[in-house]
Amino acid sequence: MSFGAVRLLWKWDEERIVELQKAAVWTGRHPAVCKRASAVVIRKGVKDHYTNLKAYRSIALLGGLWMVVEKVIAVLLAEEAGR
């Protein structure tokens, strides 16, 4: 699901999306689309030798829906920490 689609759904019914994501967190069941990511490898600044693996960093690019899941998890953890 693209980020644009998630944004439209969020405008349509924010509370329902949050409740669905909370249910996914508590039951441990997530849609397959949330479990996919693309990895990108980039160079770390200016290094002497780019033949060394430590000269690179990999970044996981998550889908738009997974970003909502991360936000919900962060809020749930903050609520638990405040108790």
Protein backbone atom coordinates (compact mmCIF):
# COMPACT_ATOMS: atom_id res chain seq x y z
CA MET A 1 0.00 0.00 0.00
CA SER A 2 1.46 3.34 -0.97
CA PHE A 3 1.93 6.18 1.46
CA GLY A 4 -0.59 8.26 -0.49
CA ALA A 5 -3.23 5.57 0.04
CA VAL A 6 -2.45 5.40 3.76
CA ARG A 7 -2.75 9.18 3.97
CA LEU A 8 -6.21 9.07 2.34
CA LEU A 9 -7.34 6.30 4.69
CA TRP A 10 -5.99 8.27 7.64
CA LYS A 11 -8.09 11.30 6.65
CA TRP A 12 -11.12 9.08 6.18
CA ASP A 13 -11.04 7.27 9.56
CA GLU A 14 -7.97 7.79 11.74
CA GLU A 15 -9.41 6.05 14.81
CA ARG A 16 -10.27 2.85 12.94
CA ILE A 17 -6.76 2.57 11.50
CA VAL A 18 -5.20 3.06 14.93
CA GLU A 19 -7.51 0.45 16.47
CA LEU A 20 -6.72 -2.04 13.69
CA GLN A 21 -3.00 -1.51 14.21
CA LYS A 22 -3.34 -1.88 17.99
CA ALA A 23 -5.20 -5.15 17.46
CA ALA A 24 -2.41 -6.35 15.15
CA VAL A 25 0.19 -5.48 17.79
CA TRP A 26 -1.65 -7.20 20.63
CA THR A 27 -2.43 -10.37 18.64
CA GLY A 28 0.94 -10.48 16.88
CA ARG A 29 -0.69 -10.83 13.47
CA HIS A 30 0.34 -8.40 10.76
CA PRO A 31 -0.56 -8.35 7.07
CA ALA A 32 2.11 -9.71 4.74
CA VAL A 33 2.49 -6.25 3.19
CA CYS A 34 3.75 -4.95 6.55
CA LYS A 35 6.52 -7.54 6.62
CA ARG A 36 8.16 -6.46 3.35
CA ALA A 37 10.93 -3.91 3.04
CA SER A 38 13.39 -2.80 0.43
CA ALA A 39 17.00 -2.32 1.43
CA VAL A 40 19.28 0.36 0.05
CA VAL A 41 23.04 0.41 0.57
CA ILE A 42 24.72 3.83 0.83
CA ARG A 43 28.27 4.98 1.50
CA LYS A 44 29.22 6.35 4.92
CA GLY A 45 30.77 9.77 4.35
CA VAL A 46 34.29 9.98 2.97
CA LYS A 47 36.28 6.80 3.55
CA ASP A 48 39.75 5.78 2.39
CA HIS A 49 38.76 2.34 1.08
CA TYR A 50 35.30 1.50 -0.15
CA THR A 51 36.35 -2.15 -0.46
CA ASN A 52 35.74 -2.49 3.29
CA LEU A 53 32.16 -3.43 4.22
CA LYS A 54 32.21 -1.01 7.16
CA ALA A 55 32.33 1.85 4.64
CA TYR A 56 28.66 1.19 3.78
CA ARG A 57 25.35 1.38 5.60
CA SER A 58 22.09 -0.36 4.71
CA ILE A 59 18.73 1.31 5.21
CA ALA A 60 15.40 -0.52 5.19
CA LEU A 61 12.61 1.29 3.37
CA LEU A 62 9.25 0.28 4.81
CA GLY A 63 5.84 0.58 3.24
CA GLY A 64 3.45 3.36 4.22
CA LEU A 65 1.25 1.14 6.38
CA TRP A 66 4.22 -0.08 8.41
CA MET A 67 5.05 3.51 9.35
CA VAL A 68 1.60 3.73 10.95
CA VAL A 69 2.32 0.52 12.87
CA GLU A 70 5.62 1.96 14.15
CA LYS A 71 3.84 5.11 15.31
CA VAL A 72 1.16 3.10 17.14
CA ILE A 73 3.81 0.94 18.82
CA ALA A 74 5.70 4.07 19.93
CA VAL A 75 2.53 5.52 21.45
CA LEU A 76 1.70 2.23 23.22
CA LEU A 77 5.22 2.02 24.66
CA ALA A 78 5.04 5.64 25.84
CA GLU A 79 1.69 4.94 27.53
CA GLU A 80 3.13 1.86 29.28
CA ALA A 81 6.21 3.76 30.40
CA GLY A 82 4.01 6.47 31.91
CA ARG A 83 2.17 4.03 34.19
